[in-house]
N, C-alpha and C. Protein backbone atom coordinates (compact mmCIF):
# COMPACT_ATOMS: atom_id res chain seq x y z
N ASP A 1 0.87 -1.32 0.29
CA ASP A 1 -0.14 -0.22 0.05
C ASP A 1 0.84 1.51 0.15
N ARG A 2 0.97 2.09 -0.99
CA ARG A 2 1.42 3.42 -1.27
C ARG A 2 1.34 4.26 0.01
N SER A 3 0.42 4.67 0.71
CA SER A 3 0.42 5.35 1.68
C SER A 3 1.21 4.81 2.93
N GLN A 4 1.35 3.53 3.13
CA GLN A 4 2.07 3.06 4.29
C GLN A 4 3.69 3.25 3.68
N THR A 5 3.83 2.98 2.70
CA THR A 5 5.34 3.19 2.26
C THR A 5 5.69 4.80 2.47
N MET A 6 4.72 5.51 1.68
CA MET A 6 4.91 6.93 2.55
C MET A 6 5.37 7.54 3.64
N LEU A 7 4.80 6.82 4.59
CA LEU A 7 4.99 6.88 5.83
C LEU A 7 6.23 6.44 6.17
N GLY A 8 6.76 5.35 5.73
CA GLY A 8 7.87 4.61 6.09
C GLY A 8 7.68 3.33 6.62
N TYR A 9 6.40 3.09 6.77
CA TYR A 9 6.01 1.27 6.80
C TYR A 9 6.05 0.51 5.74
N GLU A 10 6.23 -0.79 6.16
CA GLU A 10 6.35 -1.75 4.99
C GLU A 10 5.05 -2.14 4.47
N PRO A 11 4.62 -2.16 3.03
CA PRO A 11 2.89 -2.91 2.82
C PRO A 11 2.63 -3.77 3.77
N GLY A 12 1.34 -3.46 4.33
CA GLY A 12 0.78 -4.29 5.27
C GLY A 12 1.18 -4.25 6.73
N GLU A 13 1.89 -3.46 7.01
CA GLU A 13 2.48 -3.23 8.38
C GLU A 13 0.90 -2.63 9.27
N ILE A 14 0.64 -1.59 8.18
CA ILE A 14 -0.54 -0.98 9.03
C ILE A 14 -1.90 -1.83 8.80
N GLU A 15 -2.75 -2.03 9.60
CA GLU A 15 -4.12 -2.56 9.24
C GLU A 15 -4.77 -1.73 8.22
N GLY A 16 -5.70 -2.07 7.19
CA GLY A 16 -6.41 -1.09 6.21
C GLY A 16 -7.37 -0.69 6.75
N HIS A 17 -7.64 -0.16 7.64
CA HIS A 17 -8.71 0.37 8.61
C HIS A 17 -8.52 1.54 8.72
N VAL A 18 -9.68 2.60 8.83
CA VAL A 18 -10.25 4.05 9.45
C VAL A 18 -9.25 4.01 10.70
N ARG A 19 -9.36 2.78 11.70
CA ARG A 19 -8.97 2.79 12.98
C ARG A 19 -7.38 3.53 12.81
N SER A 20 -6.92 2.28 11.97
CA SER A 20 -5.23 2.59 11.90
C SER A 20 -5.22 4.19 11.57
N LEU A 21 -5.80 4.73 10.38
CA LEU A 21 -5.11 5.82 10.26
C LEU A 21 -5.39 6.95 11.69
N ILE A 22 -6.24 7.08 12.49
CA ILE A 22 -6.95 7.63 13.59
C ILE A 22 -5.82 7.21 14.81
N ARG A 23 -5.37 5.82 14.97
CA ARG A 23 -4.12 5.84 15.88
C ARG A 23 -3.08 6.65 15.38
N LEU A 24 -2.65 6.89 14.23
CA LEU A 24 -1.67 7.77 13.85
C LEU A 24 -1.58 9.23 13.73
N THR A 25 -2.85 9.41 13.89
CA THR A 25 -3.35 10.92 13.76
C THR A 25 -2.57 11.72 15.02
N HIS A 26 -2.11 12.64 14.57
CA HIS A 26 -1.67 13.75 15.83
C HIS A 26 -2.78 13.77 16.72
N PRO A 27 -2.70 13.84 18.08
CA PRO A 27 -4.01 14.36 19.10
C PRO A 27 -4.51 15.57 18.74
N ASP A 28 -3.84 16.67 18.26
CA ASP A 28 -4.58 17.63 17.91
C ASP A 28 -5.30 17.78 16.65
N ASP A 29 -5.27 16.93 15.94
CA ASP A 29 -6.15 16.72 14.81
C ASP A 29 -7.03 15.74 14.41
N ILE A 30 -7.06 14.79 15.65
CA ILE A 30 -8.36 13.82 15.72
C ILE A 30 -9.56 14.00 15.76
N GLU A 31 -10.10 15.22 16.44
CA GLU A 31 -11.37 15.56 16.56
C GLU A 31 -11.84 16.17 15.12
N GLN A 32 -10.93 16.57 14.43
CA GLN A 32 -11.47 17.48 13.20
C GLN A 32 -11.55 16.48 12.11
N SER A 33 -10.34 15.06 12.28
CA SER A 33 -10.67 13.91 11.64
C SER A 33 -11.84 13.18 11.60
N ARG A 34 -12.29 13.04 12.83
CA ARG A 34 -13.31 12.09 13.24
C ARG A 34 -14.45 13.31 12.62
N ARG A 35 -14.62 14.28 12.91
CA ARG A 35 -16.10 15.34 12.50
C ARG A 35 -16.19 15.05 11.08
N GLN A 36 -15.23 15.10 10.32
CA GLN A 36 -15.22 15.17 8.87
C GLN A 36 -15.74 13.78 8.57
N LEU A 37 -14.96 12.68 8.82
CA LEU A 37 -15.26 11.18 8.96
C LEU A 37 -16.99 11.22 8.99
N ALA A 38 -17.20 11.65 10.06
CA ALA A 38 -18.81 11.53 10.43
C ALA A 38 -19.84 12.25 9.30
N ASP A 39 -19.30 13.68 9.17
CA ASP A 39 -19.96 13.88 7.86
C ASP A 39 -20.24 12.99 6.74
N HIS A 40 -19.36 12.45 6.42
CA HIS A 40 -19.33 11.79 5.45
C HIS A 40 -20.23 10.23 5.03
N ILE A 41 -19.85 10.04 6.63
CA ILE A 41 -20.60 8.66 6.95
C ILE A 41 -22.24 8.89 6.93
N GLU A 42 -22.66 10.22 7.82
CA GLU A 42 -23.94 10.36 7.42
C GLU A 42 -24.27 11.22 6.33
N GLY A 43 -23.52 11.25 5.32
CA GLY A 43 -24.16 11.55 3.74
C GLY A 43 -23.99 13.12 4.02
N LYS A 44 -23.49 13.83 4.75
CA LYS A 44 -23.43 15.33 4.96
C LYS A 44 -22.38 15.84 3.61
N THR A 45 -21.34 15.05 3.51
CA THR A 45 -20.46 15.53 2.37
C THR A 45 -20.22 13.94 1.43
N LYS A 46 -19.97 14.79 0.07
CA LYS A 46 -19.61 13.56 -0.41
C LYS A 46 -18.61 12.64 -0.68
N ILE A 47 -17.78 13.04 0.08
CA ILE A 47 -16.32 12.58 0.26
C ILE A 47 -15.55 13.14 1.69
N TYR A 48 -14.80 12.08 2.36
CA TYR A 48 -14.50 12.53 3.39
C TYR A 48 -12.88 13.23 2.99
N GLU A 49 -12.65 14.35 3.41
CA GLU A 49 -11.44 14.88 2.90
C GLU A 49 -10.77 15.75 4.37
N CYS A 50 -9.76 15.41 4.62
CA CYS A 50 -9.02 16.12 5.63
C CYS A 50 -7.31 16.32 5.55
N GLU A 51 -6.99 17.49 5.97
CA GLU A 51 -5.19 17.70 6.02
C GLU A 51 -4.84 17.28 7.86
N GLN A 52 -4.04 16.84 7.87
CA GLN A 52 -3.85 16.02 9.34
C GLN A 52 -2.45 15.55 9.18
N ARG A 53 -2.03 15.83 10.26
CA ARG A 53 -0.66 15.40 10.72
C ARG A 53 -0.65 13.93 11.18
N VAL A 54 0.33 12.98 10.51
CA VAL A 54 0.13 11.71 10.50
C VAL A 54 1.49 11.15 11.00
N ARG A 55 1.58 10.33 12.00
CA ARG A 55 3.07 9.80 12.75
C ARG A 55 3.42 8.72 11.58
N ASN A 56 4.62 9.14 11.00
CA ASN A 56 5.53 8.12 10.18
C ASN A 56 6.26 6.95 11.20
N LYS A 57 6.94 6.13 10.25
CA LYS A 57 7.52 4.99 11.48
C LYS A 57 8.36 5.47 12.26
N SER A 58 9.26 6.58 11.97
CA SER A 58 10.10 6.99 12.77
C SER A 58 9.56 7.58 14.20
N GLY A 59 8.57 7.75 14.00
CA GLY A 59 7.68 8.76 15.17
C GLY A 59 7.48 10.31 15.02
N ALA A 60 8.05 10.71 13.68
CA ALA A 60 7.71 12.13 13.70
C ALA A 60 6.48 12.16 13.08
N TYR A 61 5.82 13.44 13.25
CA TYR A 61 4.42 13.87 12.12
C TYR A 61 4.51 14.37 10.74
N THR A 62 3.77 13.99 9.79
CA THR A 62 3.85 14.80 8.71
C THR A 62 2.69 14.78 8.28
N TRP A 63 2.39 16.22 7.45
CA TRP A 63 1.40 16.56 7.03
C TRP A 63 0.93 15.70 5.85
N VAL A 64 -0.60 15.36 6.08
CA VAL A 64 -0.96 14.56 4.43
C VAL A 64 -2.58 14.93 4.32
N LEU A 65 -2.87 14.94 3.07
CA LEU A 65 -4.49 15.36 2.28
C LEU A 65 -5.04 13.46 2.73
N SER A 66 -5.78 13.67 3.37
CA SER A 66 -6.36 12.37 3.16
C SER A 66 -7.39 12.48 2.82
N ARG A 67 -8.10 11.63 1.52
CA ARG A 67 -9.45 11.34 0.81
C ARG A 67 -9.77 10.38 0.96
N GLY A 68 -11.23 9.92 0.93
CA GLY A 68 -11.92 8.83 1.02
C GLY A 68 -13.47 8.87 0.40
N LYS A 69 -14.21 7.83 0.08
CA LYS A 69 -15.25 7.68 -0.22
C LYS A 69 -15.87 6.35 0.44
N ILE A 70 -16.94 6.25 0.94
CA ILE A 70 -17.72 4.77 1.19
C ILE A 70 -18.10 4.41 -0.08
N VAL A 71 -17.44 3.18 -0.50
CA VAL A 71 -18.13 2.53 -1.54
C VAL A 71 -18.68 1.47 -1.62
N ALA A 72 -19.18 1.18 -0.49
CA ALA A 72 -20.14 -0.16 0.32
C ALA A 72 -20.84 -0.07 1.62
N ARG A 73 -21.85 -0.08 1.43
CA ARG A 73 -22.88 0.04 2.54
C ARG A 73 -23.45 -1.11 3.04
N ASP A 74 -23.78 -1.64 4.27
CA ASP A 74 -24.86 -2.71 4.72
C ASP A 74 -26.18 -2.44 4.20
N ALA A 75 -27.05 -3.06 4.67
CA ALA A 75 -28.58 -2.92 4.35
C ALA A 75 -29.01 -2.15 5.35
N THR A 76 -28.67 -1.67 6.49
CA THR A 76 -29.05 -0.79 7.61
C THR A 76 -28.18 1.06 6.81
N GLY A 77 -27.41 0.79 5.98
CA GLY A 77 -26.56 1.68 5.71
C GLY A 77 -25.47 2.28 6.09
N ALA A 78 -25.33 1.34 7.31
CA ALA A 78 -23.79 1.48 7.82
C ALA A 78 -22.40 1.18 6.96
N PRO A 79 -21.38 1.76 6.90
CA PRO A 79 -19.87 1.90 5.96
C PRO A 79 -19.89 0.38 6.28
N LEU A 80 -19.36 -0.27 5.01
CA LEU A 80 -18.62 -1.76 4.92
C LEU A 80 -17.21 -1.65 4.53
N ARG A 81 -17.10 -0.34 3.40
CA ARG A 81 -15.72 0.11 2.80
C ARG A 81 -15.69 1.18 2.28
N ILE A 82 -14.55 1.55 2.50
CA ILE A 82 -14.08 3.07 2.33
C ILE A 82 -12.79 3.10 1.32
N VAL A 83 -12.49 3.46 0.46
CA VAL A 83 -11.44 3.95 -0.35
C VAL A 83 -10.99 5.35 -0.19
N GLY A 84 -9.59 5.25 -0.52
CA GLY A 84 -9.13 6.57 -0.38
C GLY A 84 -7.82 6.56 -0.63
N THR A 85 -6.95 8.17 -0.64
CA THR A 85 -5.73 8.06 -0.88
C THR A 85 -5.23 9.19 0.33
N GLN A 86 -3.96 9.27 0.46
CA GLN A 86 -3.31 9.85 1.05
C GLN A 86 -2.05 10.86 0.23
N ILE A 87 -2.04 11.86 0.50
CA ILE A 87 -1.08 13.03 -0.37
C ILE A 87 -0.11 13.16 0.53
N ASP A 88 1.00 12.99 0.47
CA ASP A 88 1.87 13.91 1.17
C ASP A 88 2.07 15.74 1.03
N ILE A 89 1.76 16.27 1.65
CA ILE A 89 1.56 17.82 1.42
C ILE A 89 2.53 18.32 2.38
N ALA A 90 3.27 17.77 3.24
CA ALA A 90 4.22 18.26 4.26
C ALA A 90 5.07 19.70 3.56
N ALA A 91 5.88 20.00 2.37
CA ALA A 91 6.08 20.64 1.65
C ALA A 91 5.38 22.22 1.53
N ARG A 92 4.05 21.89 0.77
CA ARG A 92 3.09 22.65 0.87
C ARG A 92 2.77 23.38 2.20
N LYS A 93 2.55 22.90 2.88
CA LYS A 93 2.14 22.99 4.41
C LYS A 93 3.57 24.02 5.06
N GLN A 94 4.84 23.32 4.69
CA GLN A 94 5.78 24.26 5.27
C GLN A 94 6.24 25.71 4.25
N ALA A 95 6.21 25.27 3.19
CA ALA A 95 5.97 27.12 2.59
C ALA A 95 4.54 27.88 2.77
N GLU A 96 3.38 27.28 2.91
CA GLU A 96 2.25 28.21 3.85
C GLU A 96 2.77 28.79 5.30
N GLN A 97 3.31 27.88 6.11
CA GLN A 97 3.94 28.57 7.26
C GLN A 97 4.71 29.49 7.00
N GLN A 98 5.64 29.45 6.25
CA GLN A 98 6.92 30.65 5.95
C GLN A 98 6.38 31.57 5.31
N ILE A 99 5.18 31.63 4.36
CA ILE A 99 4.74 32.61 3.86
C ILE A 99 3.95 33.44 4.84
N GLU A 100 3.26 32.33 5.74
CA GLU A 100 2.68 33.21 6.93
C GLU A 100 3.56 34.12 7.73
N TYR A 101 4.63 33.59 8.26
CA TYR A 101 5.79 34.12 8.82
C TYR A 101 6.51 34.99 8.11
N LEU A 102 6.94 35.42 6.95
CA LEU A 102 7.02 36.55 6.24
C LEU A 102 6.18 37.57 6.42
N ALA A 103 4.84 36.93 6.05
CA ALA A 103 3.68 38.25 6.27
C ALA A 103 3.60 39.05 7.70
N LEU A 104 4.15 38.34 8.40
CA LEU A 104 4.22 38.74 9.89
C LEU A 104 5.27 39.33 11.10
N TYR A 105 6.58 38.42 10.16
CA TYR A 105 7.80 39.03 10.84
C TYR A 105 8.59 39.65 9.94
N ASP A 106 9.61 40.57 10.30
CA ASP A 106 10.68 40.90 10.01
C ASP A 106 11.77 40.25 9.36
N ALA A 107 12.01 39.89 7.95
CA ALA A 107 13.05 39.08 7.27
C ALA A 107 14.14 39.63 7.97
N LEU A 108 14.61 40.57 8.31
CA LEU A 108 16.23 41.08 8.73
C LEU A 108 16.07 40.74 9.97
N THR A 109 15.47 41.38 11.21
CA THR A 109 15.59 40.65 12.31
C THR A 109 14.74 39.48 13.17
N GLY A 110 13.98 39.10 12.20
CA GLY A 110 12.92 38.21 13.22
C GLY A 110 12.08 38.55 13.75
N LEU A 111 11.56 40.21 14.09
CA LEU A 111 10.74 40.64 15.21
C LEU A 111 9.47 40.82 14.43
N PRO A 112 8.47 40.74 15.18
CA PRO A 112 7.01 41.36 14.65
C PRO A 112 6.89 42.45 13.96
N ASN A 113 6.54 42.66 12.71
CA ASN A 113 6.38 43.72 11.73
C ASN A 113 5.00 44.48 12.46
N ARG A 114 4.90 45.67 11.62
CA ARG A 114 3.40 46.30 12.04
C ARG A 114 2.26 45.70 12.00
N THR A 115 2.03 44.48 11.26
CA THR A 115 0.85 44.32 10.82
C THR A 115 0.61 43.10 12.03
N LEU A 116 1.35 42.63 12.49
CA LEU A 116 1.19 41.90 13.84
C LEU A 116 1.30 42.79 15.11
N PHE A 117 1.98 43.79 14.85
CA PHE A 117 1.71 44.63 16.06
C PHE A 117 0.51 45.24 16.32
N TRP A 118 0.05 45.93 15.17
CA TRP A 118 -1.37 46.52 15.29
C TRP A 118 -2.30 45.18 15.51
N ASP A 119 -2.10 44.05 15.32
CA ASP A 119 -3.19 43.27 15.28
C ASP A 119 -3.15 42.50 16.82
N ARG A 120 -2.11 42.57 17.53
CA ARG A 120 -1.72 42.28 19.07
C ARG A 120 -2.53 43.54 19.91
N LEU A 121 -2.18 44.80 19.30
CA LEU A 121 -2.16 45.69 20.12
C LEU A 121 -3.88 46.07 20.47
N ASP A 122 -4.54 45.84 18.82
CA ASP A 122 -5.79 45.71 19.10
C ASP A 122 -6.37 44.92 20.03
N ARG A 123 -5.96 43.54 19.75
CA ARG A 123 -6.36 42.28 20.78
C ARG A 123 -6.22 43.02 22.05
N GLU A 124 -4.89 43.21 22.53
CA GLU A 124 -4.59 43.89 23.89
C GLU A 124 -5.89 45.01 24.23
N MET A 125 -6.08 45.77 23.81
CA MET A 125 -6.92 47.01 23.76
C MET A 125 -8.37 46.39 24.45
N VAL A 126 -8.92 45.53 23.32
CA VAL A 126 -10.14 44.98 23.30
C VAL A 126 -10.00 44.27 25.02
N SER A 127 -9.10 43.18 25.11
CA SER A 127 -8.80 42.53 26.25
C SER A 127 -9.00 43.22 27.71
N ALA A 128 -7.81 44.44 27.83
CA ALA A 128 -7.98 45.41 28.75
C ALA A 128 -9.29 46.09 29.11
N GLU A 129 -10.01 46.36 27.90
CA GLU A 129 -11.22 47.24 27.88
C GLU A 129 -12.51 46.35 28.79
N ARG A 130 -12.25 45.09 28.41
CA ARG A 130 -13.43 43.88 28.77
C ARG A 130 -12.93 43.54 30.48
N ARG A 131 -11.77 43.65 30.63
CA ARG A 131 -11.26 43.43 31.87
C ARG A 131 -11.24 44.34 33.12
N GLY A 132 -11.19 45.41 32.11
CA GLY A 132 -11.26 46.89 33.28
C GLY A 132 -9.85 47.27 33.36
N HIS A 133 -8.76 46.54 32.60
CA HIS A 133 -7.35 46.64 33.09
C HIS A 133 -6.61 47.75 32.18
N PHE A 134 -5.55 47.97 32.39
CA PHE A 134 -4.55 48.99 31.66
C PHE A 134 -3.35 48.43 31.08
N PHE A 135 -2.92 48.98 29.87
CA PHE A 135 -1.41 48.43 29.97
C PHE A 135 -0.55 49.65 29.09
N ALA A 136 0.53 49.44 29.02
CA ALA A 136 1.38 50.81 28.44
C ALA A 136 2.25 50.13 27.42
N VAL A 137 2.57 50.67 26.26
CA VAL A 137 3.39 50.30 25.07
C VAL A 137 4.45 50.85 25.36
N LEU A 138 5.40 50.31 25.30
CA LEU A 138 7.00 50.84 25.19
C LEU A 138 7.63 50.93 23.88
N ALA A 139 7.97 52.43 23.77
CA ALA A 139 8.48 52.33 21.97
C ALA A 139 9.87 52.75 22.19
N CYS A 140 10.73 51.93 21.54
CA CYS A 140 12.02 52.13 20.99
C CYS A 140 12.45 53.02 19.59
N ASP A 141 13.47 53.80 19.89
CA ASP A 141 13.87 54.69 18.45
C ASP A 141 15.11 54.33 18.50
N LEU A 142 15.97 53.95 17.30
CA LEU A 142 17.20 54.25 17.29
C LEU A 142 17.69 55.71 16.60
N ASP A 143 18.14 56.63 17.56
CA ASP A 143 18.32 57.82 16.78
C ASP A 143 19.58 57.72 16.09
N ARG A 144 19.46 58.14 15.21
CA ARG A 144 20.66 58.66 13.98
C ARG A 144 20.63 57.59 13.17
N PHE A 145 19.98 56.43 13.07
CA PHE A 145 20.09 55.45 12.57
C PHE A 145 20.38 55.31 10.84
N LYS A 146 19.48 56.70 10.63
CA LYS A 146 19.65 56.81 9.02
C LYS A 146 21.36 57.29 8.55
N CYS A 147 22.40 57.89 9.56
CA CYS A 147 23.52 58.41 9.63
C CYS A 147 24.08 57.42 9.51
N VAL A 148 23.97 55.87 10.05
CA VAL A 148 24.68 54.75 10.05
C VAL A 148 24.68 54.45 8.98
N ASN A 149 23.57 53.53 8.13
CA ASN A 149 23.38 53.64 6.81
C ASN A 149 24.15 54.46 5.79
N ASP A 150 23.90 55.78 5.77
CA ASP A 150 24.47 56.75 4.98
C ASP A 150 26.19 57.02 5.03
N SER A 151 26.79 56.91 6.28
CA SER A 151 28.08 56.91 6.48
C SER A 151 28.92 55.26 6.52
N MET A 152 28.47 54.34 6.94
CA MET A 152 28.82 53.03 6.71
C MET A 152 28.26 52.04 6.00
N GLY A 153 26.91 52.17 5.36
CA GLY A 153 26.59 51.47 4.51
C GLY A 153 25.45 50.73 4.62
N HIS A 154 24.62 50.17 4.20
CA HIS A 154 23.50 49.25 4.72
C HIS A 154 24.02 48.35 5.25
N PRO A 155 24.92 47.62 4.64
CA PRO A 155 25.21 46.06 5.43
C PRO A 155 25.47 46.37 6.96
N ALA A 156 26.18 47.60 7.08
CA ALA A 156 26.34 48.11 8.63
C ALA A 156 25.05 47.83 9.53
N GLY A 157 24.23 49.07 8.76
CA GLY A 157 23.01 49.03 9.09
C GLY A 157 21.82 47.88 9.79
N ASP A 158 22.39 47.11 8.69
CA ASP A 158 21.66 45.71 9.21
C ASP A 158 22.59 45.13 10.17
N THR A 159 23.28 45.39 10.22
CA THR A 159 23.81 44.60 11.34
C THR A 159 23.60 45.04 12.80
N LEU A 160 23.57 46.54 12.96
CA LEU A 160 23.13 46.81 13.51
C LEU A 160 21.82 46.69 14.36
N LEU A 161 20.88 46.63 13.30
CA LEU A 161 19.72 46.17 13.51
C LEU A 161 19.24 44.75 14.06
N ARG A 162 20.04 43.99 13.52
CA ARG A 162 19.98 42.56 13.90
C ARG A 162 20.52 42.19 15.35
N LYS A 163 21.75 43.07 15.87
CA LYS A 163 22.54 43.41 17.08
C LYS A 163 21.10 43.88 18.38
N VAL A 164 20.28 45.07 17.74
CA VAL A 164 19.68 45.83 18.75
C VAL A 164 18.31 44.64 18.73
N ALA A 165 17.99 43.61 18.10
CA ALA A 165 16.92 42.64 17.81
C ALA A 165 17.35 41.68 18.94
N GLU A 166 18.65 40.96 18.98
CA GLU A 166 18.75 40.06 19.63
C GLU A 166 19.06 40.60 21.17
N ARG A 167 19.08 41.78 21.06
CA ARG A 167 19.32 42.40 22.76
C ARG A 167 17.80 42.70 23.11
N LEU A 168 17.20 43.06 22.46
CA LEU A 168 15.57 43.38 22.80
C LEU A 168 15.07 41.83 23.01
């Protein structure tokens, strides 16, 4: 079975049953996987489809897209057989995480950028108002930073920014 070898197992090492997939699913993803499977079993969706982390033979979790469809039911309508596929989506998930990181953090320093700052500030203001708390914002400014870039060059300015970020 190709999905087993994709996860580092020998063909037949894992029982070909939905229970096996659930046993290998990351604890944080089990509820979503079960809910989407239940929706398919109940006829709410035409196929079962779930992005989830699954434990490979080495014990690490990898992202897979699981898809399945019930192809046989008994006289009462209970599922007898489901066929499906698993697609390795680890590279895509890593790229998505990188894109999300780049959207919220400065590439040079790794510090949160303005977008994330305003989001967190808005959240904190709502939380403080709801709880009747107060909070403060500390702003740091690098005086005459432009002079460093102009006189010593952008690489020196970048180094200075990285050092300040490390110390913050």
